Amino acid sequence: MGLKGLTHRIITAWALAGGVVILLVVAIQTISVITGAFGNPLPGDFELTELGVAVGVFCFLPYCQLTDANVTADIFTSGLKRRSRAVLILLSALVALVFAAIMAWRTWIGTLDQFEYDYQTAILQIPIGYAFIPIVISLLLLVLASLVTLAESYRDIAHPQQERM
C-alpha cells in the first residue's frame, strides 16, 4: 500500500465524512421544513447549515486535489504533450501547496481566536471554533494531497513515458 496508498485512503475517508456532514445538513433542513409546516421549525437550523456546509466543502478539497477533480481549462491543455501538461500540473500543485499551507496556518490562528473570544452561534450557542477544527484538518490534508500531486507531476516530467500506478 505504501505512503501514497495510505494518503489516498485517508483523504477519501475524509471526503466521505464530509459527504455525511452534508447529508446531515440536508436531513436537518428537511426536518425543519416538515416541523415548520406545523408551526414549529427547528431552532438554529440555519446555524447548523452554515457550519455543516463550511465543514463539508472543506472536507472535499483534498480529494479534489488528489484526484485532479478541480476545475481546469482542458480546452487549452488537451493538445499538449504529457510532459507539458505535467509542468502545468506541477505549477498548480505548487500553488495549491502554498495556498493550503498559508490557509492552514492562518485558519489555525483563527481557530484559537474563536475559542479565546468565545464566539458562539446566536441561537444554539455552539462555539464556532469547533467548526474550524475539521477545516484546519482539511487544509492540512490539502497540503498532503498537494505534495502527492507535486511528486507525481515531477515524476511525469522526469519520466514522461512511465505510466502512473
Protein backbone atom coordinates (compact mmCIF):
# COMPACT_ATOMS: atom_id res chain seq x y z
CA MET A 1 0.00 0.00 0.00
CA GLY A 2 2.72 2.49 0.94
CA LEU A 3 2.50 6.11 1.94
CA LYS A 4 0.74 7.15 -1.26
CA GLY A 5 -1.95 4.49 -0.81
CA LEU A 6 -2.42 5.43 2.83
CA THR A 7 -2.74 9.09 1.84
CA HIS A 8 -5.38 8.21 -0.75
CA ARG A 9 -7.36 6.17 1.78
CA ILE A 10 -7.27 8.84 4.48
CA ILE A 11 -8.25 11.61 2.08
CA THR A 12 -11.03 9.51 0.54
CA ALA A 13 -12.40 8.69 4.00
CA TRP A 14 -12.23 12.38 4.93
CA ALA A 15 -14.19 13.32 1.80
CA LEU A 16 -16.79 10.67 2.61
CA ALA A 17 -17.07 12.12 6.12
CA GLY A 18 -17.68 15.50 4.50
CA GLY A 19 -20.44 13.90 2.44
CA VAL A 20 -22.02 12.56 5.62
CA VAL A 21 -21.93 16.08 7.10
CA ILE A 22 -23.68 17.44 4.00
CA LEU A 23 -26.30 14.66 4.23
CA LEU A 24 -26.88 15.60 7.88
CA VAL A 25 -27.40 19.22 6.83
CA VAL A 26 -29.97 18.06 4.28
CA ALA A 27 -31.69 15.95 6.96
CA ILE A 28 -31.79 18.89 9.39
CA GLN A 29 -33.25 21.16 6.72
CA THR A 30 -35.82 18.53 5.77
CA ILE A 31 -36.88 18.08 9.39
CA SER A 32 -37.04 21.85 9.85
CA VAL A 33 -39.26 22.28 6.81
CA ILE A 34 -41.59 19.48 7.93
CA THR A 35 -41.83 20.72 11.51
CA GLY A 36 -42.09 24.29 10.23
CA ALA A 37 -45.18 23.31 8.26
CA PHE A 38 -46.79 22.59 11.62
CA GLY A 39 -45.58 25.90 13.08
CA ASN A 40 -42.59 24.55 14.98
CA PRO A 41 -39.35 24.73 12.90
CA LEU A 42 -36.04 23.62 14.36
CA PRO A 43 -34.37 26.49 16.17
CA GLY A 44 -30.95 27.35 14.77
CA ASP A 45 -31.31 25.25 11.63
CA PHE A 46 -29.59 27.93 9.56
CA GLU A 47 -26.67 28.00 12.02
CA LEU A 48 -26.21 24.25 11.66
CA THR A 49 -26.47 24.63 7.89
CA GLU A 50 -23.76 27.32 7.80
CA LEU A 51 -21.38 25.32 9.95
CA GLY A 52 -22.12 21.99 8.25
CA VAL A 53 -21.74 23.24 4.70
CA ALA A 54 -18.47 25.01 5.54
CA VAL A 55 -17.04 21.85 7.11
CA GLY A 56 -18.35 19.60 4.31
CA VAL A 57 -16.96 21.73 1.50
CA PHE A 58 -13.50 21.93 3.07
CA CYS A 59 -13.52 18.12 3.51
CA PHE A 60 -13.82 17.76 -0.27
CA LEU A 61 -10.83 19.98 -1.15
CA PRO A 62 -8.03 17.43 -0.51
CA TYR A 63 -9.91 14.80 -2.52
CA CYS A 64 -10.35 17.19 -5.44
CA GLN A 65 -6.63 17.97 -5.41
CA LEU A 66 -5.62 14.33 -5.15
CA THR A 67 -7.94 13.09 -7.91
CA ASP A 68 -7.36 16.06 -10.24
CA ALA A 69 -11.04 16.99 -9.91
CA ASN A 70 -10.50 20.73 -9.61
CA VAL A 71 -11.89 22.98 -12.30
CA THR A 72 -9.47 23.16 -15.22
CA ALA A 73 -9.40 24.68 -18.67
CA ASP A 74 -8.90 21.43 -20.60
CA ILE A 75 -9.74 23.11 -23.88
CA PHE A 76 -6.36 24.89 -23.69
CA THR A 77 -4.32 21.91 -22.49
CA SER A 78 -5.84 18.93 -24.28
CA GLY A 79 -3.46 19.27 -27.23
CA LEU A 80 -0.33 19.49 -25.10
CA LYS A 81 2.13 16.65 -24.70
CA ARG A 82 2.12 14.71 -21.45
CA ARG A 83 5.29 16.40 -20.21
CA SER A 84 3.89 19.90 -20.90
CA ARG A 85 0.67 19.05 -19.04
CA ALA A 86 2.79 17.68 -16.19
CA VAL A 87 4.63 21.02 -15.94
CA LEU A 88 1.29 22.84 -15.65
CA ILE A 89 0.07 20.32 -13.07
CA LEU A 90 3.32 20.77 -11.14
CA LEU A 91 2.83 24.54 -11.10
CA SER A 92 -0.79 24.22 -10.00
CA ALA A 93 0.19 21.72 -7.28
CA LEU A 94 2.83 24.16 -6.08
CA VAL A 95 0.26 26.97 -5.94
CA ALA A 96 -2.17 24.66 -4.10
CA LEU A 97 0.58 23.69 -1.66
CA VAL A 98 1.47 27.28 -0.82
CA PHE A 99 -2.19 28.30 -0.62
CA ALA A 100 -3.11 25.35 1.61
CA ALA A 101 -0.14 25.87 3.93
CA ILE A 102 -0.89 29.57 4.40
CA MET A 103 -4.61 28.88 4.85
CA ALA A 104 -3.95 26.10 7.39
CA TRP A 105 -1.63 28.35 9.37
CA ARG A 106 -3.97 31.35 9.37
CA THR A 107 -7.09 29.25 9.98
CA TRP A 108 -5.41 27.63 12.98
CA ILE A 109 -4.71 31.10 14.38
CA GLY A 110 -8.34 31.99 13.68
CA THR A 111 -9.44 28.83 15.49
CA LEU A 112 -7.51 29.84 18.57
CA ASP A 113 -9.08 33.29 18.40
CA GLN A 114 -12.57 31.79 18.12
CA PHE A 115 -12.03 29.91 21.37
CA GLU A 116 -10.21 32.76 23.12
CA TYR A 117 -13.02 35.22 22.44
CA ASP A 118 -15.70 32.56 22.99
CA TYR A 119 -17.51 33.22 19.72
CA GLN A 120 -20.77 31.26 19.56
CA THR A 121 -23.73 30.93 17.28
CA ALA A 122 -26.59 33.24 18.24
CA ILE A 123 -29.39 30.74 18.82
CA LEU A 124 -27.83 27.40 19.71
CA GLN A 125 -24.76 28.88 21.42
CA ILE A 126 -22.43 26.44 19.63
CA PRO A 127 -18.78 27.54 19.94
CA ILE A 128 -17.76 28.40 16.37
CA GLY A 129 -14.19 27.25 16.98
CA TYR A 130 -15.32 23.62 16.85
CA ALA A 131 -16.23 24.04 13.18
CA PHE A 132 -12.75 25.39 12.50
CA ILE A 133 -11.01 22.21 13.72
CA PRO A 134 -12.11 19.94 10.82
CA ILE A 135 -11.45 22.82 8.43
CA VAL A 136 -7.83 23.04 9.63
CA ILE A 137 -7.53 19.25 9.29
CA SER A 138 -8.92 19.54 5.74
CA LEU A 139 -6.33 22.19 4.89
CA LEU A 140 -3.52 20.04 6.30
CA LEU A 141 -4.77 17.13 4.19
CA LEU A 142 -4.82 19.52 1.22
CA VAL A 143 -1.14 20.22 1.90
CA LEU A 144 -0.52 16.46 1.87
CA ALA A 145 -2.55 15.98 -1.32
CA SER A 146 -0.65 18.84 -2.96
CA LEU A 147 2.65 17.21 -2.05
CA VAL A 148 1.48 13.93 -3.60
CA THR A 149 0.36 15.62 -6.84
CA LEU A 150 3.58 17.64 -6.88
CA ALA A 151 5.64 14.44 -6.66
CA GLU A 152 3.51 12.71 -9.30
CA SER A 153 3.81 15.59 -11.74
CA TYR A 154 7.56 15.82 -11.13
CA ARG A 155 7.82 12.11 -11.94
CA ASP A 156 5.80 12.68 -15.12
CA ILE A 157 8.21 15.45 -16.13
CA ALA A 158 11.32 13.42 -15.34
CA HIS A 159 9.97 10.18 -16.86
CA PRO A 160 7.16 11.07 -19.27
CA GLN A 161 6.99 7.58 -20.79
CA GLN A 162 6.16 5.83 -17.48
CA GLU A 163 2.53 5.30 -16.53
CA ARG A 164 1.21 6.15 -13.06
CA MET A 165 0.38 3.29 -10.78
